[in-house]
Amino acid sequence: NLDDRVVGVTDFCNYPPEAKQKTRLGGFLDPNFEAIASLKPDMVFILPEQQNVRNFLKEMKIPFRIVNNKTVADILGAIKIIGNVCHVRKQAMALVDSLAGRIEKIRKLTQEKNRPKVLVSIGRGTECAAEQICGLPSVVGRRAR
């Protein structure tokens, strides 16, 4: 169990419930560098996109490890990495196995179901989600001819 070893979390961490009691360190776009440094962490886990955090941690000589979270496989891999780095490999593997089992159960239960078409809109700009995700031309903001 890492509960007593986790000294800080993002502003958005709410699971497990104990995470709500940890020091808040900002979010993906607005990390609180002073708060991070003040905790003197032994290790910080960051995402590949967090170049500003990576630069700060290097400058402050705070150890960090990059983990991915873009896919379910990435998340399961990140759990394994965190388990290895924090010397709780057995617990991490048990969690990965449990999650993988739940995912497989859901996959089997839904494999014969009709799958709805879904649009995921990311961002607030004028770009169309289709342009951002699929590289399709944007039609937002264009006048009809």
C-alpha atoms as a PDB file:
ATOM      1  CA  ASN A   1       0.000   0.000   0.000  1.00  0.00           C
ATOM      2  CA  LEU A   2       1.429   3.356  -1.038  1.00  0.00           C
ATOM      3  CA  ASP A   3      -1.024   5.495   0.922  1.00  0.00           C
ATOM      4  CA  ASP A   4       1.468   6.709   3.514  1.00  0.00           C
ATOM      5  CA  ARG A   5       4.173   7.223   0.868  1.00  0.00           C
ATOM      6  CA  VAL A   6       2.151   9.400  -1.519  1.00  0.00           C
ATOM      7  CA  VAL A   7       2.793  12.986  -0.462  1.00  0.00           C
ATOM      8  CA  GLY A   8       0.900  14.886  -3.150  1.00  0.00           C
ATOM      9  CA  VAL A   9      -1.622  14.513  -5.962  1.00  0.00           C
ATOM     10  CA  THR A  10      -3.144  16.619  -8.722  1.00  0.00           C
ATOM     11  CA  ASP A  11      -6.140  18.825  -8.050  1.00  0.00           C
ATOM     12  CA  PHE A  12      -8.269  16.271  -9.877  1.00  0.00           C
ATOM     13  CA  CYS A  13      -7.286  13.096  -8.023  1.00  0.00           C
ATOM     14  CA  ASN A  14     -10.244  11.720  -6.091  1.00  0.00           C
ATOM     15  CA  TYR A  15      -9.625   7.973  -6.029  1.00  0.00           C
ATOM     16  CA  PRO A  16      -9.061   6.216  -3.792  1.00  0.00           C
ATOM     17  CA  PRO A  17     -10.920   8.375  -1.273  1.00  0.00           C
ATOM     18  CA  GLU A  18      -7.656   8.881   0.660  1.00  0.00           C
ATOM     19  CA  ALA A  19      -6.353  10.907  -2.299  1.00  0.00           C
ATOM     20  CA  LYS A  20      -8.691  13.721  -1.278  1.00  0.00           C
ATOM     21  CA  GLN A  21      -6.640  14.136   1.913  1.00  0.00           C
ATOM     22  CA  LYS A  22      -3.291  14.581   0.130  1.00  0.00           C
ATOM     23  CA  THR A  23      -1.562  17.872  -0.669  1.00  0.00           C
ATOM     24  CA  ARG A  24      -2.908  19.318  -3.933  1.00  0.00           C
ATOM     25  CA  LEU A  25      -0.216  20.148  -6.490  1.00  0.00           C
ATOM     26  CA  GLY A  26      -2.169  21.786  -9.302  1.00  0.00           C
ATOM     27  CA  GLY A  27      -3.291  20.258 -12.549  1.00  0.00           C
ATOM     28  CA  PHE A  28      -1.910  19.131 -15.871  1.00  0.00           C
ATOM     29  CA  LEU A  29      -1.874  22.681 -17.240  1.00  0.00           C
ATOM     30  CA  ASP A  30      -1.078  24.543 -14.025  1.00  0.00           C
ATOM     31  CA  PRO A  31       1.256  22.546 -11.769  1.00  0.00           C
ATOM     32  CA  ASN A  32       2.260  24.245  -8.527  1.00  0.00           C
ATOM     33  CA  PHE A  33       6.041  24.026  -8.757  1.00  0.00           C
ATOM     34  CA  GLU A  34       6.618  25.562  -5.321  1.00  0.00           C
ATOM     35  CA  ALA A  35       4.351  22.989  -3.693  1.00  0.00           C
ATOM     36  CA  ILE A  36       6.068  20.141  -5.544  1.00  0.00           C
ATOM     37  CA  ALA A  37       9.515  21.322  -4.445  1.00  0.00           C
ATOM     38  CA  SER A  38       8.397  21.904  -0.854  1.00  0.00           C
ATOM     39  CA  LEU A  39       7.398  18.249  -0.490  1.00  0.00           C
ATOM     40  CA  LYS A  40      10.891  17.050  -1.470  1.00  0.00           C
ATOM     41  CA  PRO A  41       9.531  13.929  -3.188  1.00  0.00           C
ATOM     42  CA  ASP A  42      11.710  10.887  -3.775  1.00  0.00           C
ATOM     43  CA  MET A  43       9.929  10.280  -7.095  1.00  0.00           C
ATOM     44  CA  VAL A  44       7.434  12.093  -9.313  1.00  0.00           C
ATOM     45  CA  PHE A  45       5.410  10.362 -12.020  1.00  0.00           C
ATOM     46  CA  ILE A  46       4.600  12.543 -15.019  1.00  0.00           C
ATOM     47  CA  LEU A  47       3.129  12.213 -18.500  1.00  0.00           C
ATOM     48  CA  PRO A  48       5.213  12.567 -21.681  1.00  0.00           C
ATOM     49  CA  GLU A  49       3.442  15.823 -22.566  1.00  0.00           C
ATOM     50  CA  GLN A  50       4.474  17.535 -19.329  1.00  0.00           C
ATOM     51  CA  GLN A  51       7.687  19.032 -20.681  1.00  0.00           C
ATOM     52  CA  ASN A  52       7.471  22.024 -18.328  1.00  0.00           C
ATOM     53  CA  VAL A  53       7.261  19.730 -15.304  1.00  0.00           C
ATOM     54  CA  ARG A  54      10.083  17.568 -16.654  1.00  0.00           C
ATOM     55  CA  ASN A  55      12.310  20.637 -17.063  1.00  0.00           C
ATOM     56  CA  PHE A  56      11.495  21.827 -13.546  1.00  0.00           C
ATOM     57  CA  LEU A  57      12.191  18.427 -11.998  1.00  0.00           C
ATOM     58  CA  LYS A  58      15.515  18.167 -13.840  1.00  0.00           C
ATOM     59  CA  GLU A  59      16.493  21.656 -12.675  1.00  0.00           C
ATOM     60  CA  MET A  60      15.557  20.841  -9.077  1.00  0.00           C
ATOM     61  CA  LYS A  61      17.227  17.411  -9.312  1.00  0.00           C
ATOM     62  CA  ILE A  62      13.997  15.681  -8.297  1.00  0.00           C
ATOM     63  CA  PRO A  63      13.797  12.125  -9.649  1.00  0.00           C
ATOM     64  CA  PHE A  64      10.922  11.466 -12.030  1.00  0.00           C
ATOM     65  CA  ARG A  65       9.564   8.750 -14.241  1.00  0.00           C
ATOM     66  CA  ILE A  66       7.466   9.212 -17.352  1.00  0.00           C
ATOM     67  CA  VAL A  67       4.359   7.047 -17.665  1.00  0.00           C
ATOM     68  CA  ASN A  68       1.775   6.956 -20.439  1.00  0.00           C
ATOM     69  CA  ASN A  69      -1.997   7.086 -20.094  1.00  0.00           C
ATOM     70  CA  LYS A  70      -3.338   7.293 -23.644  1.00  0.00           C
ATOM     71  CA  THR A  71      -4.703   3.746 -23.813  1.00  0.00           C
ATOM     72  CA  VAL A  72      -5.892   1.112 -21.386  1.00  0.00           C
ATOM     73  CA  ALA A  73      -2.708  -0.835 -22.130  1.00  0.00           C
ATOM     74  CA  ASP A  74      -0.670   2.290 -21.300  1.00  0.00           C
ATOM     75  CA  ILE A  75      -2.461   2.675 -17.971  1.00  0.00           C
ATOM     76  CA  LEU A  76      -1.917  -0.962 -17.056  1.00  0.00           C
ATOM     77  CA  GLY A  77       1.738  -0.557 -18.021  1.00  0.00           C
ATOM     78  CA  ALA A  78       1.995   2.581 -15.889  1.00  0.00           C
ATOM     79  CA  ILE A  79       0.651   0.677 -12.888  1.00  0.00           C
ATOM     80  CA  LYS A  80       3.379  -1.930 -13.402  1.00  0.00           C
ATOM     81  CA  ILE A  81       6.073   0.756 -13.692  1.00  0.00           C
ATOM     82  CA  ILE A  82       4.879   2.532 -10.555  1.00  0.00           C
ATOM     83  CA  GLY A  83       4.731  -0.790  -8.718  1.00  0.00           C
ATOM     84  CA  ASN A  84       8.301  -1.615  -9.711  1.00  0.00           C
ATOM     85  CA  VAL A  85       9.699   1.822  -8.894  1.00  0.00           C
ATOM     86  CA  CYS A  86       7.919   1.919  -5.527  1.00  0.00           C
ATOM     87  CA  HIS A  87       8.790  -1.678  -4.618  1.00  0.00           C
ATOM     88  CA  VAL A  88       5.174  -2.847  -4.508  1.00  0.00           C
ATOM     89  CA  ARG A  89       5.359  -5.015  -7.606  1.00  0.00           C
ATOM     90  CA  LYS A  90       3.173  -7.791  -6.193  1.00  0.00           C
ATOM     91  CA  GLN A  91       0.331  -5.392  -5.353  1.00  0.00           C
ATOM     92  CA  ALA A  92       0.673  -3.653  -8.724  1.00  0.00           C
ATOM     93  CA  MET A  93       0.451  -6.949 -10.601  1.00  0.00           C
ATOM     94  CA  ALA A  94      -2.600  -7.963  -8.558  1.00  0.00           C
ATOM     95  CA  LEU A  95      -4.273  -4.667  -9.497  1.00  0.00           C
ATOM     96  CA  VAL A  96      -3.351  -5.065 -13.177  1.00  0.00           C
ATOM     97  CA  ASP A  97      -4.676  -8.635 -13.194  1.00  0.00           C
ATOM     98  CA  SER A  98      -7.902  -7.535 -11.501  1.00  0.00           C
ATOM     99  CA  LEU A  99      -8.460  -4.669 -13.938  1.00  0.00           C
ATOM    100  CA  ALA A 100      -7.596  -6.814 -16.961  1.00  0.00           C
ATOM    101  CA  GLY A 101     -10.068  -9.441 -15.763  1.00  0.00           C
ATOM    102  CA  ARG A 102     -12.812  -6.856 -15.365  1.00  0.00           C
ATOM    103  CA  ILE A 103     -12.075  -5.441 -18.820  1.00  0.00           C
ATOM    104  CA  GLU A 104     -12.224  -8.903 -20.379  1.00  0.00           C
ATOM    105  CA  LYS A 105     -15.511  -9.640 -18.611  1.00  0.00           C
ATOM    106  CA  ILE A 106     -17.025  -6.433 -20.001  1.00  0.00           C
ATOM    107  CA  ARG A 107     -15.636  -7.214 -23.453  1.00  0.00           C
ATOM    108  CA  LYS A 108     -17.306 -10.644 -23.422  1.00  0.00           C
ATOM    109  CA  LEU A 109     -20.599  -9.240 -22.152  1.00  0.00           C
ATOM    110  CA  THR A 110     -20.706  -6.584 -24.864  1.00  0.00           C
ATOM    111  CA  GLN A 111     -19.161  -8.318 -27.883  1.00  0.00           C
ATOM    112  CA  GLU A 112     -22.548  -9.162 -29.419  1.00  0.00           C
ATOM    113  CA  LYS A 113     -24.092  -5.771 -28.658  1.00  0.00           C
ATOM    114  CA  ASN A 114     -24.674  -3.063 -31.235  1.00  0.00           C
ATOM    115  CA  ARG A 115     -22.043  -0.393 -30.897  1.00  0.00           C
ATOM    116  CA  PRO A 116     -23.256   3.193 -31.200  1.00  0.00           C
ATOM    117  CA  LYS A 117     -21.355   5.715 -33.276  1.00  0.00           C
ATOM    118  CA  VAL A 118     -19.707   8.232 -30.975  1.00  0.00           C
ATOM    119  CA  LEU A 119     -18.203  11.677 -31.494  1.00  0.00           C
ATOM    120  CA  VAL A 120     -15.641  12.833 -28.970  1.00  0.00           C
ATOM    121  CA  SER A 121     -15.079  16.580 -28.958  1.00  0.00           C
ATOM    122  CA  ILE A 122     -11.834  17.704 -27.372  1.00  0.00           C
ATOM    123  CA  GLY A 123     -10.970  21.333 -26.732  1.00  0.00           C
ATOM    124  CA  ARG A 124     -12.763  24.633 -26.939  1.00  0.00           C
ATOM    125  CA  GLY A 125     -11.255  26.121 -30.069  1.00  0.00           C
ATOM    126  CA  THR A 126     -12.966  26.562 -33.391  1.00  0.00           C
ATOM    127  CA  GLU A 127     -11.395  23.428 -34.806  1.00  0.00           C
ATOM    128  CA  CYS A 128     -13.745  20.591 -35.501  1.00  0.00           C
ATOM    129  CA  ALA A 129     -13.235  17.406 -33.504  1.00  0.00           C
ATOM    130  CA  ALA A 130     -13.035  15.510 -36.791  1.00  0.00           C
ATOM    131  CA  GLU A 131     -10.107  17.689 -37.826  1.00  0.00           C
ATOM    132  CA  GLN A 132      -8.291  17.241 -34.519  1.00  0.00           C
ATOM    133  CA  ILE A 133      -8.833  13.515 -34.218  1.00  0.00           C
ATOM    134  CA  CYS A 134      -9.041  12.216 -37.772  1.00  0.00           C
ATOM    135  CA  GLY A 135      -7.308  14.884 -39.820  1.00  0.00           C
ATOM    136  CA  LEU A 136     -10.539  15.660 -41.679  1.00  0.00           C
ATOM    137  CA  PRO A 137     -11.133  19.202 -42.962  1.00  0.00           C
ATOM    138  CA  SER A 138     -12.785  21.556 -40.504  1.00  0.00           C
ATOM    139  CA  VAL A 139     -16.126  23.054 -41.433  1.00  0.00           C
ATOM    140  CA  VAL A 140     -16.598  25.120 -38.292  1.00  0.00           C
ATOM    141  CA  GLY A 141     -16.659  28.836 -38.969  1.00  0.00           C
ATOM    142  CA  ARG A 142     -16.911  28.490 -42.750  1.00  0.00           C
ATOM    143  CA  ARG A 143     -19.693  30.255 -44.568  1.00  0.00           C
ATOM    144  CA  ALA A 144     -22.044  28.313 -46.781  1.00  0.00           C
ATOM    145  CA  ARG A 145     -21.369  28.865 -50.479  1.00  0.00           C
END
